[in-house]
Amino acid sequence: LGRWFDDVGQHQKSFDSYEAANAEVRASLKYAVETEARDYEIVRQHFDPVPESLPTPVPGDPAPIFIVGLPRSGKSTLEGILARHPRVKAAGELRILGLLARELSIRNGLSAPGSHISSVPPGELAAFAAQYMDFVRAVVPEPFVPIDTMPPNYRLIGLMRLALPNARILHTVRDPLEQCAALYEKRFPHETYEFTYDLAEIARFHGIYRDLVDYWRSAFPGFIHDIDVSGLGTDEPQLRAILAFCGQEWDALVRGDFRSGPRLGEAVSGPTNGAERLRLYESVLGPILSGRAGA
């Protein structure tokens, strides 16, 4: 109903419908954004300080492409563009990296206070990488380069830098206000994104997520490539830069607009007043986002 009201330009009724639907779902959940903040801080502490000796990328070793970021940030669009390249294939959202990371954490006691990634033997990291690539190669065989688009993999960027130094990390970004509004307007089919049913919690989580990615950027310079997908399909210089970052030669097949669904502020029947729509969100989201909540 919220989508329908938006399509016909009745933004207040649209917002009220989303608010009612999200409140009903939120009331059924046991969730605390403070728990997310503690979990993300533990992830960061595992790599603080950054290990002194980082593995050097080895030419010829596997170089999977990871597209990471929050849902509704353009990951599917970027995947669709890159998958046009004759040497690249989409593997979809693979859960395997997170599962292997959890097993590695349990084996090496990384849940203990003060634990650090340096306690993990190099052989464990090599086995982690081999298990991941074995799984991926069953989905995307040689000689194609696989694209893994599981959103929460941004939590594992530090582990990827140690175990898969040849990996290419593409991080899709979007205007924070638009991003949070889009999350609020999406009913997710599982419990992974329990923060998306309350505007204040969405904004706080967005700050927690940004702070972790900012830390990875400072810890591993040049390992993450940030991409605003808006208009990417027709921006040839940016497309060339992305392919170069991924170690691929230019191919004109990637050029051309690609969309996996309607953009924010655009109805099925045509464009709506996106600015008016976002003003309804700004009074709640703006102060929290500008305060970098979750730091």
C-alpha atoms as a PDB file:
ATOM      1  CA  LEU A   1       0.000   0.000   0.000  1.00  0.00           C
ATOM      2  CA  GLY A   2       2.873   2.341   0.782  1.00  0.00           C
ATOM      3  CA  ARG A   3       4.389   1.694  -2.639  1.00  0.00           C
ATOM      4  CA  TRP A   4       1.054   2.309  -4.347  1.00  0.00           C
ATOM      5  CA  PHE A   5       0.500   5.653  -2.588  1.00  0.00           C
ATOM      6  CA  ASP A   6       4.022   6.677  -3.562  1.00  0.00           C
ATOM      7  CA  ASP A   7       3.419   5.719  -7.182  1.00  0.00           C
ATOM      8  CA  VAL A   8       0.459   8.118  -7.331  1.00  0.00           C
ATOM      9  CA  GLY A   9       2.313  10.906  -5.521  1.00  0.00           C
ATOM     10  CA  GLN A  10       0.555  10.707  -2.130  1.00  0.00           C
ATOM     11  CA  HIS A  11       3.754  10.688  -0.106  1.00  0.00           C
ATOM     12  CA  GLN A  12       2.319  11.289   3.362  1.00  0.00           C
ATOM     13  CA  LYS A  13      -0.103   8.381   2.996  1.00  0.00           C
ATOM     14  CA  SER A  14       2.771   6.304   1.624  1.00  0.00           C
ATOM     15  CA  PHE A  15       4.940   7.121   4.632  1.00  0.00           C
ATOM     16  CA  ASP A  16       2.087   6.404   7.065  1.00  0.00           C
ATOM     17  CA  SER A  17       1.543   2.993   5.452  1.00  0.00           C
ATOM     18  CA  TYR A  18       5.228   2.067   5.688  1.00  0.00           C
ATOM     19  CA  GLU A  19       5.281   3.264   9.294  1.00  0.00           C
ATOM     20  CA  ALA A  20       2.297   1.094  10.260  1.00  0.00           C
ATOM     21  CA  ALA A  21       3.645  -2.001   8.488  1.00  0.00           C
ATOM     22  CA  ASN A  22       7.138  -1.651   9.971  1.00  0.00           C
ATOM     23  CA  ALA A  23       5.781  -1.084  13.476  1.00  0.00           C
ATOM     24  CA  GLU A  24       3.814  -4.324  13.241  1.00  0.00           C
ATOM     25  CA  VAL A  25       6.900  -6.312  12.214  1.00  0.00           C
ATOM     26  CA  ARG A  26       9.160  -4.583  14.753  1.00  0.00           C
ATOM     27  CA  ALA A  27       6.800  -5.479  17.599  1.00  0.00           C
ATOM     28  CA  SER A  28       7.358  -9.175  16.828  1.00  0.00           C
ATOM     29  CA  LEU A  29      11.172  -8.986  16.970  1.00  0.00           C
ATOM     30  CA  LYS A  30      13.646  -9.277  19.820  1.00  0.00           C
ATOM     31  CA  TYR A  31      16.398  -6.968  18.599  1.00  0.00           C
ATOM     32  CA  ALA A  32      18.787  -4.423  20.129  1.00  0.00           C
ATOM     33  CA  VAL A  33      20.990  -2.222  17.965  1.00  0.00           C
ATOM     34  CA  GLU A  34      23.369  -1.930  20.930  1.00  0.00           C
ATOM     35  CA  THR A  35      24.175  -5.633  20.487  1.00  0.00           C
ATOM     36  CA  GLU A  36      25.140  -4.967  16.878  1.00  0.00           C
ATOM     37  CA  ALA A  37      27.417  -2.144  18.041  1.00  0.00           C
ATOM     38  CA  ARG A  38      29.218  -4.457  20.487  1.00  0.00           C
ATOM     39  CA  ASP A  39      29.592  -7.197  17.869  1.00  0.00           C
ATOM     40  CA  TYR A  40      31.054  -4.787  15.317  1.00  0.00           C
ATOM     41  CA  GLU A  41      33.478  -3.401  17.872  1.00  0.00           C
ATOM     42  CA  ILE A  42      34.723  -6.935  18.577  1.00  0.00           C
ATOM     43  CA  VAL A  43      35.266  -7.462  14.834  1.00  0.00           C
ATOM     44  CA  ARG A  44      37.306  -4.265  14.678  1.00  0.00           C
ATOM     45  CA  GLN A  45      39.352  -5.162  17.749  1.00  0.00           C
ATOM     46  CA  HIS A  46      40.417  -8.432  16.126  1.00  0.00           C
ATOM     47  CA  PHE A  47      42.418  -6.313  13.651  1.00  0.00           C
ATOM     48  CA  ASP A  48      43.586  -3.536  15.958  1.00  0.00           C
ATOM     49  CA  PRO A  49      46.476  -3.191  15.739  1.00  0.00           C
ATOM     50  CA  VAL A  50      46.735  -4.221  12.108  1.00  0.00           C
ATOM     51  CA  PRO A  51      49.087  -7.218  11.695  1.00  0.00           C
ATOM     52  CA  GLU A  52      52.577  -5.961  10.904  1.00  0.00           C
ATOM     53  CA  SER A  53      53.152  -8.388   8.036  1.00  0.00           C
ATOM     54  CA  LEU A  54      50.337  -8.451   5.503  1.00  0.00           C
ATOM     55  CA  PRO A  55      50.431 -11.045   2.689  1.00  0.00           C
ATOM     56  CA  THR A  56      51.350  -9.675  -0.710  1.00  0.00           C
ATOM     57  CA  PRO A  57      49.002 -10.378  -3.629  1.00  0.00           C
ATOM     58  CA  VAL A  58      50.449 -13.114  -5.841  1.00  0.00           C
ATOM     59  CA  PRO A  59      49.959 -12.869  -9.626  1.00  0.00           C
ATOM     60  CA  GLY A  60      47.973 -15.843 -10.868  1.00  0.00           C
ATOM     61  CA  ASP A  61      46.362 -16.626  -7.516  1.00  0.00           C
ATOM     62  CA  PRO A  62      42.541 -16.573  -7.264  1.00  0.00           C
ATOM     63  CA  ALA A  63      41.139 -13.052  -7.392  1.00  0.00           C
ATOM     64  CA  PRO A  64      37.402 -13.242  -6.679  1.00  0.00           C
ATOM     65  CA  ILE A  65      35.337 -10.066  -6.779  1.00  0.00           C
ATOM     66  CA  PHE A  66      33.309  -9.241  -3.672  1.00  0.00           C
ATOM     67  CA  ILE A  67      30.529  -6.674  -3.915  1.00  0.00           C
ATOM     68  CA  VAL A  68      29.691  -5.584  -0.372  1.00  0.00           C
ATOM     69  CA  GLY A  69      27.509  -2.989   1.288  1.00  0.00           C
ATOM     70  CA  LEU A  70      24.079  -2.588   2.768  1.00  0.00           C
ATOM     71  CA  PRO A  71      21.012  -3.890   0.918  1.00  0.00           C
ATOM     72  CA  ARG A  72      19.428  -1.392  -1.494  1.00  0.00           C
ATOM     73  CA  SER A  73      22.795   0.201  -2.282  1.00  0.00           C
ATOM     74  CA  GLY A  74      23.083  -1.020  -5.882  1.00  0.00           C
ATOM     75  CA  LYS A  75      24.937  -4.312  -5.460  1.00  0.00           C
ATOM     76  CA  SER A  76      22.668  -6.210  -7.874  1.00  0.00           C
ATOM     77  CA  THR A  77      22.977  -3.427 -10.422  1.00  0.00           C
ATOM     78  CA  LEU A  78      26.784  -3.490 -10.225  1.00  0.00           C
ATOM     79  CA  GLU A  79      26.789  -7.285 -10.402  1.00  0.00           C
ATOM     80  CA  GLY A  80      24.612  -7.168 -13.525  1.00  0.00           C
ATOM     81  CA  ILE A  81      26.949  -4.690 -15.201  1.00  0.00           C
ATOM     82  CA  LEU A  82      30.142  -6.607 -14.408  1.00  0.00           C
ATOM     83  CA  ALA A  83      28.610  -9.983 -15.323  1.00  0.00           C
ATOM     84  CA  ARG A  84      28.354  -8.748 -18.921  1.00  0.00           C
ATOM     85  CA  HIS A  85      32.136  -8.978 -19.116  1.00  0.00           C
ATOM     86  CA  PRO A  86      33.150 -12.196 -20.933  1.00  0.00           C
ATOM     87  CA  ARG A  87      35.624 -13.199 -18.175  1.00  0.00           C
ATOM     88  CA  VAL A  88      33.353 -12.507 -15.199  1.00  0.00           C
ATOM     89  CA  LYS A  89      30.368 -14.470 -13.868  1.00  0.00           C
ATOM     90  CA  ALA A  90      27.900 -13.805 -11.066  1.00  0.00           C
ATOM     91  CA  ALA A  91      27.875 -16.335  -8.229  1.00  0.00           C
ATOM     92  CA  GLY A  92      25.087 -14.599  -6.287  1.00  0.00           C
ATOM     93  CA  GLU A  93      24.865 -14.074  -2.534  1.00  0.00           C
ATOM     94  CA  LEU A  94      26.993 -16.883  -1.105  1.00  0.00           C
ATOM     95  CA  ARG A  95      26.743 -17.680   2.605  1.00  0.00           C
ATOM     96  CA  ILE A  96      29.921 -19.753   2.593  1.00  0.00           C
ATOM     97  CA  LEU A  97      32.399 -17.007   3.562  1.00  0.00           C
ATOM     98  CA  GLY A  98      30.463 -16.162   6.710  1.00  0.00           C
ATOM     99  CA  LEU A  99      30.072 -19.828   7.655  1.00  0.00           C
ATOM    100  CA  LEU A 100      33.795 -20.506   7.219  1.00  0.00           C
ATOM    101  CA  ALA A 101      34.664 -17.358   9.178  1.00  0.00           C
ATOM    102  CA  ARG A 102      32.476 -18.456  12.071  1.00  0.00           C
ATOM    103  CA  GLU A 103      34.134 -21.894  12.135  1.00  0.00           C
ATOM    104  CA  LEU A 104      37.599 -20.313  12.052  1.00  0.00           C
ATOM    105  CA  SER A 105      36.639 -17.974  14.898  1.00  0.00           C
ATOM    106  CA  ILE A 106      35.403 -20.854  17.077  1.00  0.00           C
ATOM    107  CA  ARG A 107      38.501 -22.977  16.450  1.00  0.00           C
ATOM    108  CA  ASN A 108      40.845 -20.135  17.349  1.00  0.00           C
ATOM    109  CA  GLY A 109      38.981 -18.653  20.295  1.00  0.00           C
ATOM    110  CA  LEU A 110      38.331 -15.281  18.687  1.00  0.00           C
ATOM    111  CA  SER A 111      35.265 -14.741  20.847  1.00  0.00           C
ATOM    112  CA  ALA A 112      37.488 -14.430  23.943  1.00  0.00           C
ATOM    113  CA  PRO A 113      38.105 -10.916  25.325  1.00  0.00           C
ATOM    114  CA  GLY A 114      41.256  -9.368  23.885  1.00  0.00           C
ATOM    115  CA  SER A 115      41.617 -11.978  21.126  1.00  0.00           C
ATOM    116  CA  HIS A 116      43.422 -10.933  17.952  1.00  0.00           C
ATOM    117  CA  ILE A 117      43.636 -12.261  14.418  1.00  0.00           C
ATOM    118  CA  SER A 118      47.408 -12.717  14.835  1.00  0.00           C
ATOM    119  CA  SER A 119      46.664 -15.805  16.950  1.00  0.00           C
ATOM    120  CA  VAL A 120      45.342 -17.613  13.878  1.00  0.00           C
ATOM    121  CA  PRO A 121      48.090 -19.766  12.293  1.00  0.00           C
ATOM    122  CA  PRO A 122      48.918 -18.996   8.641  1.00  0.00           C
ATOM    123  CA  GLY A 123      47.942 -22.569   7.732  1.00  0.00           C
ATOM    124  CA  GLU A 124      44.422 -21.928   9.027  1.00  0.00           C
ATOM    125  CA  LEU A 125      44.112 -18.836   6.833  1.00  0.00           C
ATOM    126  CA  ALA A 126      45.357 -20.787   3.803  1.00  0.00           C
ATOM    127  CA  ALA A 127      42.840 -23.567   4.488  1.00  0.00           C
ATOM    128  CA  PHE A 128      40.086 -20.964   4.871  1.00  0.00           C
ATOM    129  CA  ALA A 129      40.926 -19.495   1.462  1.00  0.00           C
ATOM    130  CA  ALA A 130      41.143 -22.931  -0.190  1.00  0.00           C
ATOM    131  CA  GLN A 131      37.764 -24.017   1.210  1.00  0.00           C
ATOM    132  CA  TYR A 132      36.147 -20.824  -0.010  1.00  0.00           C
ATOM    133  CA  MET A 133      37.597 -21.119  -3.510  1.00  0.00           C
ATOM    134  CA  ASP A 134      36.667 -24.824  -3.756  1.00  0.00           C
ATOM    135  CA  PHE A 135      33.066 -23.920  -3.002  1.00  0.00           C
ATOM    136  CA  VAL A 136      33.011 -20.975  -5.405  1.00  0.00           C
ATOM    137  CA  ARG A 137      34.592 -22.978  -8.214  1.00  0.00           C
ATOM    138  CA  ALA A 138      31.694 -25.430  -7.992  1.00  0.00           C
ATOM    139  CA  VAL A 139      29.440 -22.463  -8.828  1.00  0.00           C
ATOM    140  CA  VAL A 140      31.676 -20.505 -11.223  1.00  0.00           C
ATOM    141  CA  PRO A 141      34.305 -22.740 -12.867  1.00  0.00           C
ATOM    142  CA  GLU A 142      37.654 -21.701 -14.266  1.00  0.00           C
ATOM    143  CA  PRO A 143      38.617 -19.546 -16.088  1.00  0.00           C
ATOM    144  CA  PHE A 144      35.830 -17.146 -15.084  1.00  0.00           C
ATOM    145  CA  VAL A 145      36.212 -14.647 -12.243  1.00  0.00           C
ATOM    146  CA  PRO A 146      33.396 -15.096  -9.692  1.00  0.00           C
ATOM    147  CA  ILE A 147      31.383 -12.256  -8.169  1.00  0.00           C
ATOM    148  CA  ASP A 148      30.145 -12.859  -4.620  1.00  0.00           C
ATOM    149  CA  THR A 149      27.473 -10.322  -3.601  1.00  0.00           C
ATOM    150  CA  MET A 150      26.605 -11.391  -0.031  1.00  0.00           C
ATOM    151  CA  PRO A 151      25.968  -7.977   1.642  1.00  0.00           C
ATOM    152  CA  PRO A 152      27.330  -8.646   5.179  1.00  0.00           C
ATOM    153  CA  ASN A 153      30.711  -9.708   3.808  1.00  0.00           C
ATOM    154  CA  TYR A 154      31.840  -6.150   4.600  1.00  0.00           C
ATOM    155  CA  ARG A 155      32.248  -7.440   8.159  1.00  0.00           C
ATOM    156  CA  LEU A 156      34.899  -9.853   6.885  1.00  0.00           C
ATOM    157  CA  ILE A 157      37.076  -7.467   4.875  1.00  0.00           C
ATOM    158  CA  GLY A 158      39.937  -7.794   7.360  1.00  0.00           C
ATOM    159  CA  LEU A 159      39.874 -11.568   7.105  1.00  0.00           C
ATOM    160  CA  MET A 160      39.734 -11.353   3.307  1.00  0.00           C
ATOM    161  CA  ARG A 161      42.810  -9.115   3.285  1.00  0.00           C
ATOM    162  CA  LEU A 162      44.786 -11.787   5.169  1.00  0.00           C
ATOM    163  CA  ALA A 163      43.421 -14.950   3.561  1.00  0.00           C
ATOM    164  CA  LEU A 164      42.528 -13.735   0.038  1.00  0.00           C
ATOM    165  CA  PRO A 165      44.917 -10.830  -0.638  1.00  0.00           C
ATOM    166  CA  ASN A 166      44.183 -10.981  -4.380  1.00  0.00           C
ATOM    167  CA  ALA A 167      40.463 -10.384  -3.786  1.00  0.00           C
ATOM    168  CA  ARG A 168      38.846  -7.256  -5.183  1.00  0.00           C
ATOM    169  CA  ILE A 169      36.443  -5.518  -2.796  1.00  0.00           C
ATOM    170  CA  LEU A 170      33.828  -3.302  -4.432  1.00  0.00           C
ATOM    171  CA  HIS A 171      31.823  -1.372  -1.847  1.00  0.00           C
ATOM    172  CA  THR A 172      28.560   0.118  -3.098  1.00  0.00           C
ATOM    173  CA  VAL A 173      27.599   3.395  -1.433  1.00  0.00           C
ATOM    174  CA  ARG A 174      24.532   5.590  -1.565  1.00  0.00           C
ATOM    175  CA  ASP A 175      23.374   8.855  -0.034  1.00  0.00           C
ATOM    176  CA  PRO A 176      22.720   7.897   3.620  1.00  0.00           C
ATOM    177  CA  LEU A 177      19.221   9.400   3.738  1.00  0.00           C
ATOM    178  CA  GLU A 178      18.185   7.624   0.536  1.00  0.00           C
ATOM    179  CA  GLN A 179      19.804   4.419   1.750  1.00  0.00           C
ATOM    180  CA  CYS A 180      17.940   4.391   5.062  1.00  0.00           C
ATOM    181  CA  ALA A 181      14.614   5.274   3.445  1.00  0.00           C
ATOM    182  CA  ALA A 182      15.035   2.459   0.932  1.00  0.00           C
ATOM    183  CA  LEU A 183      15.737  -0.020   3.737  1.00  0.00           C
ATOM    184  CA  TYR A 184      12.610   1.120   5.587  1.00  0.00           C
ATOM    185  CA  GLU A 185      10.503   0.575   2.461  1.00  0.00           C
ATOM    186  CA  LYS A 186      11.696  -3.003   1.899  1.00  0.00           C
ATOM    187  CA  ARG A 187      10.170  -6.034   3.604  1.00  0.00           C
ATOM    188  CA  PHE A 188      13.025  -8.496   3.902  1.00  0.00           C
ATOM    189  CA  PRO A 189      12.141 -12.209   3.825  1.00  0.00           C
ATOM    190  CA  HIS A 190      14.410 -13.274   6.687  1.00  0.00           C
ATOM    191  CA  GLU A 191      15.751 -12.055  10.012  1.00  0.00           C
ATOM    192  CA  THR A 192      19.150 -10.896   8.799  1.00  0.00           C
ATOM    193  CA  TYR A 193      18.097  -7.257   8.630  1.00  0.00           C
ATOM    194  CA  GLU A 194      16.111  -6.814  11.822  1.00  0.00           C
ATOM    195  CA  PHE A 195      17.321  -3.221  12.142  1.00  0.00           C
ATOM    196  CA  THR A 196      15.244  -2.134   9.125  1.00  0.00           C
ATOM    197  CA  TYR A 197      11.842  -1.793  10.829  1.00  0.00           C
ATOM    198  CA  ASP A 198      12.492   1.322  12.916  1.00  0.00           C
ATOM    199  CA  LEU A 199      13.866   4.559  11.483  1.00  0.00           C
ATOM    200  CA  ALA A 200      15.994   5.449  14.494  1.00  0.00           C
ATOM    201  CA  GLU A 201      17.491   1.944  14.564  1.00  0.00           C
ATOM    202  CA  ILE A 202      18.190   2.081  10.834  1.00  0.00           C
ATOM    203  CA  ALA A 203      20.085   5.344  11.253  1.00  0.00           C
ATOM    204  CA  ARG A 204      22.054   4.062  14.241  1.00  0.00           C
ATOM    205  CA  PHE A 205      22.957   0.854  12.445  1.00  0.00           C
ATOM    206  CA  HIS A 206      24.044   2.861   9.405  1.00  0.00           C
ATOM    207  CA  GLY A 207      26.530   4.700  11.619  1.00  0.00           C
ATOM    208  CA  ILE A 208      27.866   1.425  13.061  1.00  0.00           C
ATOM    209  CA  TYR A 209      28.293  -0.006   9.566  1.00  0.00           C
ATOM    210  CA  ARG A 210      30.006   3.134   8.229  1.00  0.00           C
ATOM    211  CA  ASP A 211      32.444   3.223  11.116  1.00  0.00           C
ATOM    212  CA  LEU A 212      33.532  -0.382  10.505  1.00  0.00           C
ATOM    213  CA  VAL A 213      34.049   0.173   6.775  1.00  0.00           C
ATOM    214  CA  ASP A 214      35.947   3.396   7.542  1.00  0.00           C
ATOM    215  CA  TYR A 215      38.242   1.380   9.796  1.00  0.00           C
ATOM    216  CA  TRP A 216      38.907  -1.212   7.068  1.00  0.00           C
ATOM    217  CA  ARG A 217      39.711   1.612   4.653  1.00  0.00           C
ATOM    218  CA  SER A 218      42.286   3.102   7.014  1.00  0.00           C
ATOM    219  CA  ALA A 219      43.710  -0.295   7.986  1.00  0.00           C
ATOM    220  CA  PHE A 220      44.066  -1.622   4.418  1.00  0.00           C
ATOM    221  CA  PRO A 221      44.578   1.328   2.039  1.00  0.00           C
ATOM    222  CA  GLY A 222      43.696   0.572  -1.575  1.00  0.00           C
ATOM    223  CA  PHE A 223      41.944  -2.727  -0.793  1.00  0.00           C
ATOM    224  CA  ILE A 224      38.412  -1.302  -1.051  1.00  0.00           C
ATOM    225  CA  HIS A 225      36.959   0.485  -4.076  1.00  0.00           C
ATOM    226  CA  ASP A 226      33.902   2.639  -3.224  1.00  0.00           C
ATOM    227  CA  ILE A 227      31.277   2.920  -5.971  1.00  0.00           C
ATOM    228  CA  ASP A 228      28.157   5.057  -6.256  1.00  0.00           C
ATOM    229  CA  VAL A 229      26.121   3.038  -8.723  1.00  0.00           C
ATOM    230  CA  SER A 230      23.868   5.954  -9.765  1.00  0.00           C
ATOM    231  CA  GLY A 231      24.343   6.409 -13.514  1.00  0.00           C
ATOM    232  CA  LEU A 232      27.234   3.944 -13.575  1.00  0.00           C
ATOM    233  CA  GLY A 233      26.101   2.105 -16.692  1.00  0.00           C
ATOM    234  CA  THR A 234      26.789   5.123 -18.924  1.00  0.00           C
ATOM    235  CA  ASP A 235      29.903   6.384 -17.117  1.00  0.00           C
ATOM    236  CA  GLU A 236      32.642   4.784 -19.205  1.00  0.00           C
ATOM    237  CA  PRO A 237      35.621   6.307 -17.324  1.00  0.00           C
ATOM    238  CA  GLN A 238      34.294   4.932 -14.034  1.00  0.00           C
ATOM    239  CA  LEU A 239      33.560   1.554 -15.616  1.00  0.00           C
ATOM    240  CA  ARG A 240      37.106   1.418 -16.959  1.00  0.00           C
ATOM    241  CA  ALA A 241      38.462   2.258 -13.502  1.00  0.00           C
ATOM    242  CA  ILE A 242      36.391  -0.502 -11.889  1.00  0.00           C
ATOM    243  CA  LEU A 243      37.533  -3.111 -14.405  1.00  0.00           C
ATOM    244  CA  ALA A 244      41.155  -2.029 -13.974  1.00  0.00           C
ATOM    245  CA  PHE A 245      40.776  -2.361 -10.198  1.00  0.00           C
ATOM    246  CA  CYS A 246      39.400  -5.869 -10.761  1.00  0.00           C
ATOM    247  CA  GLY A 247      42.357  -6.765 -12.983  1.00  0.00           C
ATOM    248  CA  GLN A 248      40.225  -7.010 -16.117  1.00  0.00           C
ATOM    249  CA  GLU A 249      40.682  -5.466 -19.529  1.00  0.00           C
ATOM    250  CA  TRP A 250      38.106  -3.061 -20.896  1.00  0.00           C
ATOM    251  CA  ASP A 251      35.197  -4.603 -22.777  1.00  0.00           C
ATOM    252  CA  ALA A 252      32.403  -2.487 -24.246  1.00  0.00           C
ATOM    253  CA  LEU A 253      29.855  -5.156 -23.293  1.00  0.00           C
ATOM    254  CA  VAL A 254      29.712  -3.713 -19.766  1.00  0.00           C
ATOM    255  CA  ARG A 255      28.581  -0.352 -21.078  1.00  0.00           C
ATOM    256  CA  GLY A 256      24.894   0.544 -20.939  1.00  0.00           C
ATOM    257  CA  ASP A 257      22.344   1.181 -18.234  1.00  0.00           C
ATOM    258  CA  PHE A 258      21.326  -1.741 -16.045  1.00  0.00           C
ATOM    259  CA  ARG A 259      18.703  -1.783 -13.310  1.00  0.00           C
ATOM    260  CA  SER A 260      17.536  -4.636 -11.147  1.00  0.00           C
ATOM    261  CA  GLY A 261      14.455  -2.690 -10.017  1.00  0.00           C
ATOM    262  CA  PRO A 262      12.963   0.826  -9.655  1.00  0.00           C
ATOM    263  CA  ARG A 263      15.249   3.471  -8.187  1.00  0.00           C
ATOM    264  CA  LEU A 264      14.302   5.399  -5.066  1.00  0.00           C
ATOM    265  CA  GLY A 265      11.795   8.111  -5.946  1.00  0.00           C
ATOM    266  CA  GLU A 266      10.810   6.485  -9.229  1.00  0.00           C
ATOM    267  CA  ALA A 267       7.426   4.834  -9.617  1.00  0.00           C
ATOM    268  CA  VAL A 268       6.588   2.014 -11.986  1.00  0.00           C
ATOM    269  CA  SER A 269       4.560   4.420 -14.129  1.00  0.00           C
ATOM    270  CA  GLY A 270       7.081   7.267 -14.047  1.00  0.00           C
ATOM    271  CA  PRO A 271       9.107   9.588 -11.798  1.00  0.00           C
ATOM    272  CA  THR A 272       7.615  10.991  -8.599  1.00  0.00           C
ATOM    273  CA  ASN A 273       8.772  13.875  -6.448  1.00  0.00           C
ATOM    274  CA  GLY A 274      11.611  12.124  -4.661  1.00  0.00           C
ATOM    275  CA  ALA A 275      12.647  15.250  -2.737  1.00  0.00           C
ATOM    276  CA  GLU A 276       9.180  15.609  -1.208  1.00  0.00           C
ATOM    277  CA  ARG A 277       9.181  11.949  -0.302  1.00  0.00           C
ATOM    278  CA  LEU A 278      12.566  12.117   1.434  1.00  0.00           C
ATOM    279  CA  ARG A 279      11.601  15.175   3.484  1.00  0.00           C
ATOM    280  CA  LEU A 280       9.216  12.926   5.412  1.00  0.00           C
ATOM    281  CA  TYR A 281      12.195  10.828   6.503  1.00  0.00           C
ATOM    282  CA  GLU A 282      14.653  13.639   7.101  1.00  0.00           C
ATOM    283  CA  SER A 283      13.213  14.880  10.412  1.00  0.00           C
ATOM    284  CA  VAL A 284      13.920  11.502  12.046  1.00  0.00           C
ATOM    285  CA  LEU A 285      16.938  10.271  10.106  1.00  0.00           C
ATOM    286  CA  GLY A 286      18.812  13.525   9.518  1.00  0.00           C
ATOM    287  CA  PRO A 287      19.898  14.360  13.093  1.00  0.00           C
ATOM    288  CA  ILE A 288      21.036  10.778  13.817  1.00  0.00           C
ATOM    289  CA  LEU A 289      22.899  10.364  10.529  1.00  0.00           C
ATOM    290  CA  SER A 290      24.657  13.706  10.874  1.00  0.00           C
ATOM    291  CA  GLY A 291      25.714  12.753  14.391  1.00  0.00           C
ATOM    292  CA  ARG A 292      27.405   9.554  13.108  1.00  0.00           C
ATOM    293  CA  ALA A 293      25.437   7.466  15.614  1.00  0.00           C
ATOM    294  CA  GLY A 294      27.022   4.179  16.527  1.00  0.00           C
ATOM    295  CA  ALA A 295      30.586   5.477  16.617  1.00  0.00           C
END
